[in-house]
All heavy atoms as atom14 arrays in JSON, in Angstrom:
{
  "sequence": "VVLVSCSILAVWKVTQFRVRREGLVSNFQSAVKDYKELDSEEKRTI",
  "atom14_mask": [
    [1, 1, 1, 1, 1, 1, 1, 0, 0, 0, 0, 0, 0, 0],
    [1, 1, 1, 1, 1, 1, 1, 0, 0, 0, 0, 0, 0, 0],
    [1, 1, 1, 1, 1, 1, 1, 1, 0, 0, 0, 0, 0, 0],
    [1, 1, 1, 1, 1, 1, 1, 0, 0, 0, 0, 0, 0, 0],
    [1, 1, 1, 1, 1, 1, 0, 0, 0, 0, 0, 0, 0, 0],
    [1, 1, 1, 1, 1, 1, 0, 0, 0, 0, 0, 0, 0, 0],
    [1, 1, 1, 1, 1, 1, 0, 0, 0, 0, 0, 0, 0, 0],
    [1, 1, 1, 1, 1, 1, 1, 1, 0, 0, 0, 0, 0, 0],
    [1, 1, 1, 1, 1, 1, 1, 1, 0, 0, 0, 0, 0, 0],
    [1, 1, 1, 1, 1, 0, 0, 0, 0, 0, 0, 0, 0, 0],
    [1, 1, 1, 1, 1, 1, 1, 0, 0, 0, 0, 0, 0, 0],
    [1, 1, 1, 1, 1, 1, 1, 1, 1, 1, 1, 1, 1, 1],
    [1, 1, 1, 1, 1, 1, 1, 1, 1, 0, 0, 0, 0, 0],
    [1, 1, 1, 1, 1, 1, 1, 0, 0, 0, 0, 0, 0, 0],
    [1, 1, 1, 1, 1, 1, 1, 0, 0, 0, 0, 0, 0, 0],
    [1, 1, 1, 1, 1, 1, 1, 1, 1, 0, 0, 0, 0, 0],
    [1, 1, 1, 1, 1, 1, 1, 1, 1, 1, 1, 0, 0, 0],
    [1, 1, 1, 1, 1, 1, 1, 1, 1, 1, 1, 0, 0, 0],
    [1, 1, 1, 1, 1, 1, 1, 0, 0, 0, 0, 0, 0, 0],
    [1, 1, 1, 1, 1, 1, 1, 1, 1, 1, 1, 0, 0, 0],
    [1, 1, 1, 1, 1, 1, 1, 1, 1, 1, 1, 0, 0, 0],
    [1, 1, 1, 1, 1, 1, 1, 1, 1, 0, 0, 0, 0, 0],
    [1, 1, 1, 1, 0, 0, 0, 0, 0, 0, 0, 0, 0, 0],
    [1, 1, 1, 1, 1, 1, 1, 1, 0, 0, 0, 0, 0, 0],
    [1, 1, 1, 1, 1, 1, 1, 0, 0, 0, 0, 0, 0, 0],
    [1, 1, 1, 1, 1, 1, 0, 0, 0, 0, 0, 0, 0, 0],
    [1, 1, 1, 1, 1, 1, 1, 1, 0, 0, 0, 0, 0, 0],
    [1, 1, 1, 1, 1, 1, 1, 1, 1, 1, 1, 0, 0, 0],
    [1, 1, 1, 1, 1, 1, 1, 1, 1, 0, 0, 0, 0, 0],
    [1, 1, 1, 1, 1, 1, 0, 0, 0, 0, 0, 0, 0, 0],
    [1, 1, 1, 1, 1, 0, 0, 0, 0, 0, 0, 0, 0, 0],
    [1, 1, 1, 1, 1, 1, 1, 0, 0, 0, 0, 0, 0, 0],
    [1, 1, 1, 1, 1, 1, 1, 1, 1, 0, 0, 0, 0, 0],
    [1, 1, 1, 1, 1, 1, 1, 1, 0, 0, 0, 0, 0, 0],
    [1, 1, 1, 1, 1, 1, 1, 1, 1, 1, 1, 1, 0, 0],
    [1, 1, 1, 1, 1, 1, 1, 1, 1, 0, 0, 0, 0, 0],
    [1, 1, 1, 1, 1, 1, 1, 1, 1, 0, 0, 0, 0, 0],
    [1, 1, 1, 1, 1, 1, 1, 1, 0, 0, 0, 0, 0, 0],
    [1, 1, 1, 1, 1, 1, 1, 1, 0, 0, 0, 0, 0, 0],
    [1, 1, 1, 1, 1, 1, 0, 0, 0, 0, 0, 0, 0, 0],
    [1, 1, 1, 1, 1, 1, 1, 1, 1, 0, 0, 0, 0, 0],
    [1, 1, 1, 1, 1, 1, 1, 1, 1, 0, 0, 0, 0, 0],
    [1, 1, 1, 1, 1, 1, 1, 1, 1, 0, 0, 0, 0, 0],
    [1, 1, 1, 1, 1, 1, 1, 1, 1, 1, 1, 0, 0, 0],
    [1, 1, 1, 1, 1, 1, 1, 0, 0, 0, 0, 0, 0, 0],
    [1, 1, 1, 1, 1, 1, 1, 1, 0, 0, 0, 0, 0, 0]
  ],
  "atom14_positions": [
    [[-27.25, 17.87, 2.64], [-26.35, 17.04, 1.84], [-25.07, 16.72, 2.61], [-24.59, 15.58, 2.62], [-26.01, 17.75, 0.5], [-24.87, 17.05, -0.22], [-27.23, 17.78, -0.39], [0.0, 0.0, 0.0], [0.0, 0.0, 0.0], [0.0, 0.0, 0.0], [0.0, 0.0, 0.0], [0.0, 0.0, 0.0], [0.0, 0.0, 0.0], [0.0, 0.0, 0.0]],
    [[-24.52, 17.72, 3.28], [-23.29, 17.52, 4.07], [-23.54, 16.52, 5.19], [-22.77, 15.57, 5.41], [-22.79, 18.86, 4.63], [-21.63, 18.63, 5.59], [-22.36, 19.79, 3.51], [0.0, 0.0, 0.0], [0.0, 0.0, 0.0], [0.0, 0.0, 0.0], [0.0, 0.0, 0.0], [0.0, 0.0, 0.0], [0.0, 0.0, 0.0], [0.0, 0.0, 0.0]],
    [[-24.64, 16.72, 5.94], [-24.92, 15.83, 7.07], [-25.27, 14.42, 6.62], [-24.91, 13.45, 7.28], [-26.07, 16.42, 7.9], [-25.73, 17.7, 8.68], [-26.97, 18.26, 9.36], [-24.65, 17.43, 9.72], [0.0, 0.0, 0.0], [0.0, 0.0, 0.0], [0.0, 0.0, 0.0], [0.0, 0.0, 0.0], [0.0, 0.0, 0.0], [0.0, 0.0, 0.0]],
    [[-25.98, 14.32, 5.5], [-26.31, 12.98, 4.97], [-25.04, 12.23, 4.58], [-24.86, 11.05, 4.91], [-27.28, 13.1, 3.77], [-27.34, 11.78, 3.0], [-28.68, 13.47, 4.24], [0.0, 0.0, 0.0], [0.0, 0.0, 0.0], [0.0, 0.0, 0.0], [0.0, 0.0, 0.0], [0.0, 0.0, 0.0], [0.0, 0.0, 0.0], [0.0, 0.0, 0.0]],
    [[-24.13, 12.91, 3.9], [-22.87, 12.26, 3.49], [-22.06, 11.82, 4.69], [-21.53, 10.71, 4.74], [-22.06, 13.22, 2.62], [-22.78, 13.58, 1.46], [0.0, 0.0, 0.0], [0.0, 0.0, 0.0], [0.0, 0.0, 0.0], [0.0, 0.0, 0.0], [0.0, 0.0, 0.0], [0.0, 0.0, 0.0], [0.0, 0.0, 0.0], [0.0, 0.0, 0.0]],
    [[-21.96, 12.71, 5.7], [-21.2, 12.36, 6.9], [-21.86, 11.23, 7.67], [-21.18, 10.36, 8.24], [-21.05, 13.59, 7.8], [-20.03, 14.9, 7.09], [0.0, 0.0, 0.0], [0.0, 0.0, 0.0], [0.0, 0.0, 0.0], [0.0, 0.0, 0.0], [0.0, 0.0, 0.0], [0.0, 0.0, 0.0], [0.0, 0.0, 0.0], [0.0, 0.0, 0.0]],
    [[-23.19, 11.2, 7.69], [-23.91, 10.12, 8.38], [-23.69, 8.78, 7.68], [-23.47, 7.76, 8.34], [-25.4, 10.44, 8.46], [-25.64, 11.63, 9.18], [0.0, 0.0, 0.0], [0.0, 0.0, 0.0], [0.0, 0.0, 0.0], [0.0, 0.0, 0.0], [0.0, 0.0, 0.0], [0.0, 0.0, 0.0], [0.0, 0.0, 0.0], [0.0, 0.0, 0.0]],
    [[-23.74, 8.79, 6.36], [-23.5, 7.55, 5.61], [-22.08, 7.04, 5.86], [-21.86, 5.83, 6.05], [-23.76, 7.78, 4.11], [-25.24, 8.05, 3.86], [-23.29, 6.59, 3.28], [-25.56, 8.43, 2.43], [0.0, 0.0, 0.0], [0.0, 0.0, 0.0], [0.0, 0.0, 0.0], [0.0, 0.0, 0.0], [0.0, 0.0, 0.0], [0.0, 0.0, 0.0]],
    [[-21.12, 7.97, 5.86], [-19.74, 7.57, 6.15], [-19.62, 6.97, 7.55], [-18.92, 5.98, 7.76], [-18.82, 8.78, 6.03], [-18.22, 9.07, 4.66], [-17.41, 10.36, 4.71], [-17.34, 7.92, 4.19], [0.0, 0.0, 0.0], [0.0, 0.0, 0.0], [0.0, 0.0, 0.0], [0.0, 0.0, 0.0], [0.0, 0.0, 0.0], [0.0, 0.0, 0.0]],
    [[-20.29, 7.6, 8.52], [-20.23, 7.1, 9.89], [-20.83, 5.7, 9.99], [-20.26, 4.81, 10.65], [-20.95, 8.06, 10.84], [0.0, 0.0, 0.0], [0.0, 0.0, 0.0], [0.0, 0.0, 0.0], [0.0, 0.0, 0.0], [0.0, 0.0, 0.0], [0.0, 0.0, 0.0], [0.0, 0.0, 0.0], [0.0, 0.0, 0.0], [0.0, 0.0, 0.0]],
    [[-21.98, 5.49, 9.36], [-22.61, 4.15, 9.37], [-21.69, 3.13, 8.73], [-21.5, 2.01, 9.25], [-23.97, 4.19, 8.64], [-24.52, 2.78, 8.45], [-24.97, 5.03, 9.42], [0.0, 0.0, 0.0], [0.0, 0.0, 0.0], [0.0, 0.0, 0.0], [0.0, 0.0, 0.0], [0.0, 0.0, 0.0], [0.0, 0.0, 0.0], [0.0, 0.0, 0.0]],
    [[-21.08, 3.5, 7.61], [-20.2, 2.57, 6.89], [-18.98, 2.21, 7.72], [-18.56, 1.04, 7.76], [-19.81, 3.19, 5.56], [-18.99, 2.31, 4.67], [-17.71, 2.48, 4.26], [-19.43, 1.08, 4.06], [-17.3, 1.46, 3.45], [-18.33, 0.58, 3.3], [-20.62, 0.37, 4.08], [-18.4, -0.6, 2.58], [-20.69, -0.82, 3.35], [-19.59, -1.29, 2.62]],
    [[-18.38, 3.2, 8.38], [-17.17, 2.94, 9.17], [-17.49, 2.08, 10.4], [-16.75, 1.14, 10.71], [-16.53, 4.26, 9.6], [-15.87, 5.01, 8.46], [-15.28, 6.33, 8.9], [-14.66, 7.06, 7.71], [-14.08, 8.36, 8.09], [0.0, 0.0, 0.0], [0.0, 0.0, 0.0], [0.0, 0.0, 0.0], [0.0, 0.0, 0.0], [0.0, 0.0, 0.0]],
    [[-18.56, 2.4, 11.09], [-18.93, 1.6, 12.27], [-19.24, 0.17, 11.86], [-18.81, -0.8, 12.51], [-20.14, 2.23, 12.99], [-20.67, 1.3, 14.08], [-19.74, 3.58, 13.61], [0.0, 0.0, 0.0], [0.0, 0.0, 0.0], [0.0, 0.0, 0.0], [0.0, 0.0, 0.0], [0.0, 0.0, 0.0], [0.0, 0.0, 0.0], [0.0, 0.0, 0.0]],
    [[-19.95, 0.01, 10.75], [-20.3, -1.34, 10.28], [-19.07, -2.11, 9.84], [-18.89, -3.28, 10.19], [-21.3, -1.24, 9.11], [-22.45, -0.49, 9.52], [-21.75, -2.62, 8.68], [0.0, 0.0, 0.0], [0.0, 0.0, 0.0], [0.0, 0.0, 0.0], [0.0, 0.0, 0.0], [0.0, 0.0, 0.0], [0.0, 0.0, 0.0], [0.0, 0.0, 0.0]],
    [[-18.19, -1.46, 9.07], [-16.99, -2.14, 8.59], [-16.04, -2.49, 9.73], [-15.46, -3.58, 9.75], [-16.26, -1.26, 7.57], [-16.97, -1.15, 6.23], [-16.98, -2.47, 5.48], [-17.97, -3.19, 5.49], [-15.88, -2.78, 4.84], [0.0, 0.0, 0.0], [0.0, 0.0, 0.0], [0.0, 0.0, 0.0], [0.0, 0.0, 0.0], [0.0, 0.0, 0.0]],
    [[-15.86, -1.59, 10.67], [-14.99, -1.88, 11.81], [-15.56, -3.0, 12.68], [-14.82, -3.66, 13.41], [-14.79, -0.63, 12.66], [-13.74, 0.31, 12.12], [-13.29, 0.2, 10.81], [-13.2, 1.31, 12.9], [-12.33, 1.06, 10.3], [-12.24, 2.18, 12.41], [-11.81, 2.05, 11.1], [0.0, 0.0, 0.0], [0.0, 0.0, 0.0], [0.0, 0.0, 0.0]],
    [[-16.86, -3.18, 12.62], [-17.49, -4.25, 13.39], [-17.46, -5.58, 12.62], [-17.12, -6.62, 13.19], [-18.94, -3.86, 13.7], [-19.74, -4.91, 14.43], [-19.43, -4.93, 15.91], [-20.03, -6.1, 16.54], [-20.08, -6.29, 17.84], [-19.55, -5.39, 18.65], [-20.62, -7.37, 18.36], [0.0, 0.0, 0.0], [0.0, 0.0, 0.0], [0.0, 0.0, 0.0]],
    [[-17.79, -5.54, 11.33], [-17.9, -6.77, 10.54], [-16.51, -7.27, 10.14], [-16.18, -8.45, 10.3], [-18.78, -6.52, 9.31], [-18.8, -7.76, 8.41], [-20.2, -6.18, 9.73], [0.0, 0.0, 0.0], [0.0, 0.0, 0.0], [0.0, 0.0, 0.0], [0.0, 0.0, 0.0], [0.0, 0.0, 0.0], [0.0, 0.0, 0.0], [0.0, 0.0, 0.0]],
    [[-15.68, -6.36, 9.64], [-14.34, -6.75, 9.18], [-13.32, -6.34, 10.24], [-12.43, -5.51, 10.01], [-14.03, -6.08, 7.84], [-15.07, -6.37, 6.76], [-14.71, -5.73, 5.45], [-13.48, -6.29, 4.91], [-12.96, -5.92, 3.74], [-13.55, -5.0, 3.01], [-11.84, -6.47, 3.32], [0.0, 0.0, 0.0], [0.0, 0.0, 0.0], [0.0, 0.0, 0.0]],
    [[-13.45, -6.93, 11.39], [-12.64, -6.52, 12.54], [-11.36, -7.32, 12.69], [-10.53, -6.99, 13.56], [-13.46, -6.68, 13.82], [-13.96, -8.1, 14.09], [-14.75, -8.17, 15.37], [-15.21, -9.52, 15.67], [-16.4, -9.99, 15.34], [-17.24, -9.22, 14.67], [-16.76, -11.23, 15.65], [0.0, 0.0, 0.0], [0.0, 0.0, 0.0], [0.0, 0.0, 0.0]],
    [[-11.15, -8.35, 11.88], [-10.0, -9.22, 12.1], [-8.68, -8.47, 12.01], [-7.77, -8.68, 12.81], [-10.01, -10.37, 11.08], [-11.12, -11.39, 11.26], [-12.44, -10.91, 10.68], [-12.43, -9.86, 9.98], [-13.49, -11.55, 10.9], [0.0, 0.0, 0.0], [0.0, 0.0, 0.0], [0.0, 0.0, 0.0], [0.0, 0.0, 0.0], [0.0, 0.0, 0.0]],
    [[-8.57, -7.57, 11.01], [-7.33, -6.84, 10.86], [-7.04, -5.92, 12.04], [-5.91, -5.87, 12.54], [0.0, 0.0, 0.0], [0.0, 0.0, 0.0], [0.0, 0.0, 0.0], [0.0, 0.0, 0.0], [0.0, 0.0, 0.0], [0.0, 0.0, 0.0], [0.0, 0.0, 0.0], [0.0, 0.0, 0.0], [0.0, 0.0, 0.0], [0.0, 0.0, 0.0]],
    [[-8.07, -5.22, 12.52], [-7.88, -4.34, 13.67], [-7.58, -5.13, 14.93], [-6.73, -4.74, 15.73], [-9.13, -3.48, 13.87], [-9.36, -2.34, 12.87], [-10.69, -1.66, 13.14], [-8.23, -1.32, 12.95], [0.0, 0.0, 0.0], [0.0, 0.0, 0.0], [0.0, 0.0, 0.0], [0.0, 0.0, 0.0], [0.0, 0.0, 0.0], [0.0, 0.0, 0.0]],
    [[-8.29, -6.24, 15.13], [-8.07, -7.05, 16.32], [-6.64, -7.59, 16.34], [-5.95, -7.55, 17.37], [-9.09, -8.2, 16.38], [-8.74, -9.17, 17.5], [-10.5, -7.66, 16.61], [0.0, 0.0, 0.0], [0.0, 0.0, 0.0], [0.0, 0.0, 0.0], [0.0, 0.0, 0.0], [0.0, 0.0, 0.0], [0.0, 0.0, 0.0], [0.0, 0.0, 0.0]],
    [[-6.17, -8.08, 15.2], [-4.8, -8.62, 15.14], [-3.77, -7.54, 15.44], [-2.8, -7.77, 16.18], [-4.53, -9.22, 13.75], [-5.41, -10.29, 13.48], [0.0, 0.0, 0.0], [0.0, 0.0, 0.0], [0.0, 0.0, 0.0], [0.0, 0.0, 0.0], [0.0, 0.0, 0.0], [0.0, 0.0, 0.0], [0.0, 0.0, 0.0], [0.0, 0.0, 0.0]],
    [[-3.97, -6.35, 14.89], [-3.03, -5.26, 15.11], [-3.04, -4.79, 16.56], [-1.98, -4.53, 17.14], [-3.35, -4.1, 14.18], [-2.7, -4.23, 12.82], [-1.59, -3.76, 12.6], [-3.39, -4.9, 11.91], [0.0, 0.0, 0.0], [0.0, 0.0, 0.0], [0.0, 0.0, 0.0], [0.0, 0.0, 0.0], [0.0, 0.0, 0.0], [0.0, 0.0, 0.0]],
    [[-4.21, -4.67, 17.17], [-4.28, -4.23, 18.56], [-3.72, -5.28, 19.51], [-3.06, -4.95, 20.49], [-5.72, -3.86, 18.93], [-6.08, -2.44, 18.61], [-6.55, -2.08, 17.37], [-5.92, -1.44, 19.56], [-6.88, -0.77, 17.06], [-6.23, -0.12, 19.28], [-6.72, 0.21, 18.03], [0.0, 0.0, 0.0], [0.0, 0.0, 0.0], [0.0, 0.0, 0.0]],
    [[-4.0, -6.55, 19.24], [-3.42, -7.6, 20.08], [-1.9, -7.62, 19.95], [-1.19, -7.82, 20.96], [-4.02, -8.95, 19.68], [-5.47, -9.11, 20.09], [-6.06, -10.43, 19.62], [-5.49, -11.12, 18.77], [-7.22, -10.8, 20.16], [0.0, 0.0, 0.0], [0.0, 0.0, 0.0], [0.0, 0.0, 0.0], [0.0, 0.0, 0.0], [0.0, 0.0, 0.0]],
    [[-1.4, -7.4, 18.76], [0.05, -7.33, 18.57], [0.63, -6.12, 19.3], [1.73, -6.19, 19.86], [0.37, -7.25, 17.08], [1.75, -7.11, 16.86], [0.0, 0.0, 0.0], [0.0, 0.0, 0.0], [0.0, 0.0, 0.0], [0.0, 0.0, 0.0], [0.0, 0.0, 0.0], [0.0, 0.0, 0.0], [0.0, 0.0, 0.0], [0.0, 0.0, 0.0]],
    [[-0.12, -5.0, 19.32], [0.36, -3.81, 20.02], [0.46, -4.06, 21.52], [1.44, -3.65, 22.17], [-0.58, -2.64, 19.73], [0.0, 0.0, 0.0], [0.0, 0.0, 0.0], [0.0, 0.0, 0.0], [0.0, 0.0, 0.0], [0.0, 0.0, 0.0], [0.0, 0.0, 0.0], [0.0, 0.0, 0.0], [0.0, 0.0, 0.0], [0.0, 0.0, 0.0]],
    [[-0.54, -4.72, 22.09], [-0.49, -5.04, 23.52], [0.71, -5.94, 23.83], [1.42, -5.75, 24.83], [-1.81, -5.72, 23.95], [-1.71, -6.22, 25.39], [-2.97, -4.75, 23.82], [0.0, 0.0, 0.0], [0.0, 0.0, 0.0], [0.0, 0.0, 0.0], [0.0, 0.0, 0.0], [0.0, 0.0, 0.0], [0.0, 0.0, 0.0], [0.0, 0.0, 0.0]],
    [[0.96, -6.91, 22.96], [2.11, -7.79, 23.14], [3.42, -7.02, 23.04], [4.37, -7.28, 23.79], [2.07, -8.9, 22.08], [3.17, -9.94, 22.23], [3.04, -11.01, 21.15], [4.16, -12.03, 21.27], [4.08, -13.06, 20.2], [0.0, 0.0, 0.0], [0.0, 0.0, 0.0], [0.0, 0.0, 0.0], [0.0, 0.0, 0.0], [0.0, 0.0, 0.0]],
    [[3.47, -6.06, 22.12], [4.69, -5.24, 21.98], [4.99, -4.47, 23.26], [6.16, -4.37, 23.68], [4.54, -4.27, 20.81], [4.46, -4.98, 19.47], [4.96, -6.11, 19.37], [3.88, -4.4, 18.53], [0.0, 0.0, 0.0], [0.0, 0.0, 0.0], [0.0, 0.0, 0.0], [0.0, 0.0, 0.0], [0.0, 0.0, 0.0], [0.0, 0.0, 0.0]],
    [[3.97, -3.93, 23.87], [4.19, -3.17, 25.11], [4.61, -4.1, 26.25], [5.44, -3.73, 27.1], [2.93, -2.4, 25.49], [2.78, -1.09, 24.77], [1.92, -0.97, 23.69], [3.51, 0.03, 25.15], [1.78, 0.24, 23.01], [3.38, 1.24, 24.49], [2.51, 1.34, 23.41], [2.39, 2.54, 22.75], [0.0, 0.0, 0.0], [0.0, 0.0, 0.0]],
    [[4.06, -5.29, 26.28], [4.44, -6.24, 27.34], [5.87, -6.73, 27.19], [6.53, -7.05, 28.18], [3.48, -7.44, 27.33], [2.07, -7.11, 27.81], [1.19, -8.34, 27.8], [-0.22, -8.03, 28.31], [-1.1, -9.22, 28.29], [0.0, 0.0, 0.0], [0.0, 0.0, 0.0], [0.0, 0.0, 0.0], [0.0, 0.0, 0.0], [0.0, 0.0, 0.0]],
    [[6.35, -6.81, 25.95], [7.71, -7.31, 25.69], [8.73, -6.19, 25.59], [9.87, -6.43, 25.17], [7.71, -8.13, 24.4], [6.85, -9.39, 24.49], [6.8, -10.15, 23.18], [7.31, -9.61, 22.17], [6.26, -11.28, 23.16], [0.0, 0.0, 0.0], [0.0, 0.0, 0.0], [0.0, 0.0, 0.0], [0.0, 0.0, 0.0], [0.0, 0.0, 0.0]],
    [[8.37, -4.99, 25.96], [9.29, -3.86, 25.9], [10.47, -4.08, 26.84], [10.28, -4.35, 28.03], [8.53, -2.58, 26.29], [9.16, -1.24, 25.92], [9.38, -1.14, 24.42], [8.26, -0.11, 26.4], [0.0, 0.0, 0.0], [0.0, 0.0, 0.0], [0.0, 0.0, 0.0], [0.0, 0.0, 0.0], [0.0, 0.0, 0.0], [0.0, 0.0, 0.0]],
    [[11.72, -4.0, 26.31], [12.89, -4.38, 27.11], [14.02, -3.36, 27.11], [15.11, -3.64, 27.62], [13.44, -5.73, 26.6], [13.79, -5.69, 25.12], [13.62, -4.62, 24.49], [14.23, -6.72, 24.6], [0.0, 0.0, 0.0], [0.0, 0.0, 0.0], [0.0, 0.0, 0.0], [0.0, 0.0, 0.0], [0.0, 0.0, 0.0], [0.0, 0.0, 0.0]],
    [[13.79, -2.18, 26.56], [14.85, -1.16, 26.58], [14.24, 0.23, 26.57], [13.14, 0.44, 26.06], [15.79, -1.33, 25.38], [15.15, -0.96, 24.19], [0.0, 0.0, 0.0], [0.0, 0.0, 0.0], [0.0, 0.0, 0.0], [0.0, 0.0, 0.0], [0.0, 0.0, 0.0], [0.0, 0.0, 0.0], [0.0, 0.0, 0.0], [0.0, 0.0, 0.0]],
    [[14.98, 1.16, 27.13], [14.5, 2.54, 27.2], [14.47, 3.18, 25.82], [13.63, 4.04, 25.55], [15.42, 3.34, 28.14], [14.9, 4.73, 28.46], [13.6, 4.71, 29.24], [13.35, 3.71, 29.96], [12.84, 5.69, 29.1], [0.0, 0.0, 0.0], [0.0, 0.0, 0.0], [0.0, 0.0, 0.0], [0.0, 0.0, 0.0], [0.0, 0.0, 0.0]],
    [[15.36, 2.75, 24.96], [15.41, 3.3, 23.6], [14.14, 2.94, 22.83], [13.54, 3.79, 22.16], [16.65, 2.78, 22.87], [16.96, 3.53, 21.6], [18.29, 3.1, 21.01], [18.83, 2.05, 21.44], [18.8, 3.81, 20.12], [0.0, 0.0, 0.0], [0.0, 0.0, 0.0], [0.0, 0.0, 0.0], [0.0, 0.0, 0.0], [0.0, 0.0, 0.0]],
    [[13.72, 1.69, 22.94], [12.48, 1.27, 22.28], [11.27, 1.97, 22.91], [10.32, 2.34, 22.21], [12.32, -0.24, 22.38], [13.35, -1.04, 21.62], [13.1, -2.53, 21.77], [14.14, -3.35, 21.03], [13.92, -4.8, 21.2], [0.0, 0.0, 0.0], [0.0, 0.0, 0.0], [0.0, 0.0, 0.0], [0.0, 0.0, 0.0], [0.0, 0.0, 0.0]],
    [[11.31, 2.12, 24.21], [10.21, 2.79, 24.91], [10.06, 4.23, 24.42], [8.93, 4.71, 24.23], [10.46, 2.77, 26.42], [9.38, 3.48, 27.21], [9.65, 3.38, 28.71], [8.61, 4.07, 29.45], [8.67, 5.35, 29.84], [9.77, 6.05, 29.56], [7.68, 5.91, 30.48], [0.0, 0.0, 0.0], [0.0, 0.0, 0.0], [0.0, 0.0, 0.0]],
    [[11.17, 4.91, 24.18], [11.11, 6.29, 23.69], [10.46, 6.35, 22.31], [9.64, 7.23, 22.04], [12.53, 6.88, 23.63], [13.12, 6.83, 24.94], [12.5, 8.31, 23.15], [0.0, 0.0, 0.0], [0.0, 0.0, 0.0], [0.0, 0.0, 0.0], [0.0, 0.0, 0.0], [0.0, 0.0, 0.0], [0.0, 0.0, 0.0], [0.0, 0.0, 0.0]],
    [[10.82, 5.39, 21.46], [10.23, 5.36, 20.11], [8.73, 5.11, 20.18], [7.93, 5.8, 19.51], [10.92, 4.28, 19.26], [12.38, 4.66, 19.01], [10.2, 4.09, 17.94], [13.19, 3.58, 18.29], [0.0, 0.0, 0.0], [0.0, 0.0, 0.0], [0.0, 0.0, 0.0], [0.0, 0.0, 0.0], [0.0, 0.0, 0.0], [0.0, 0.0, 0.0]]
  ]
}
């Protein structure tokens, strides 16, 4: 029962992250842009 539940969760997460990827893609692309536009040591520390 434990392994079946964890397997179903894993299938659901992999499928959702693949099918509904727009939100993750937008956030990761924004993160890359944030690192490229880093302009102060204070922001870098945060």
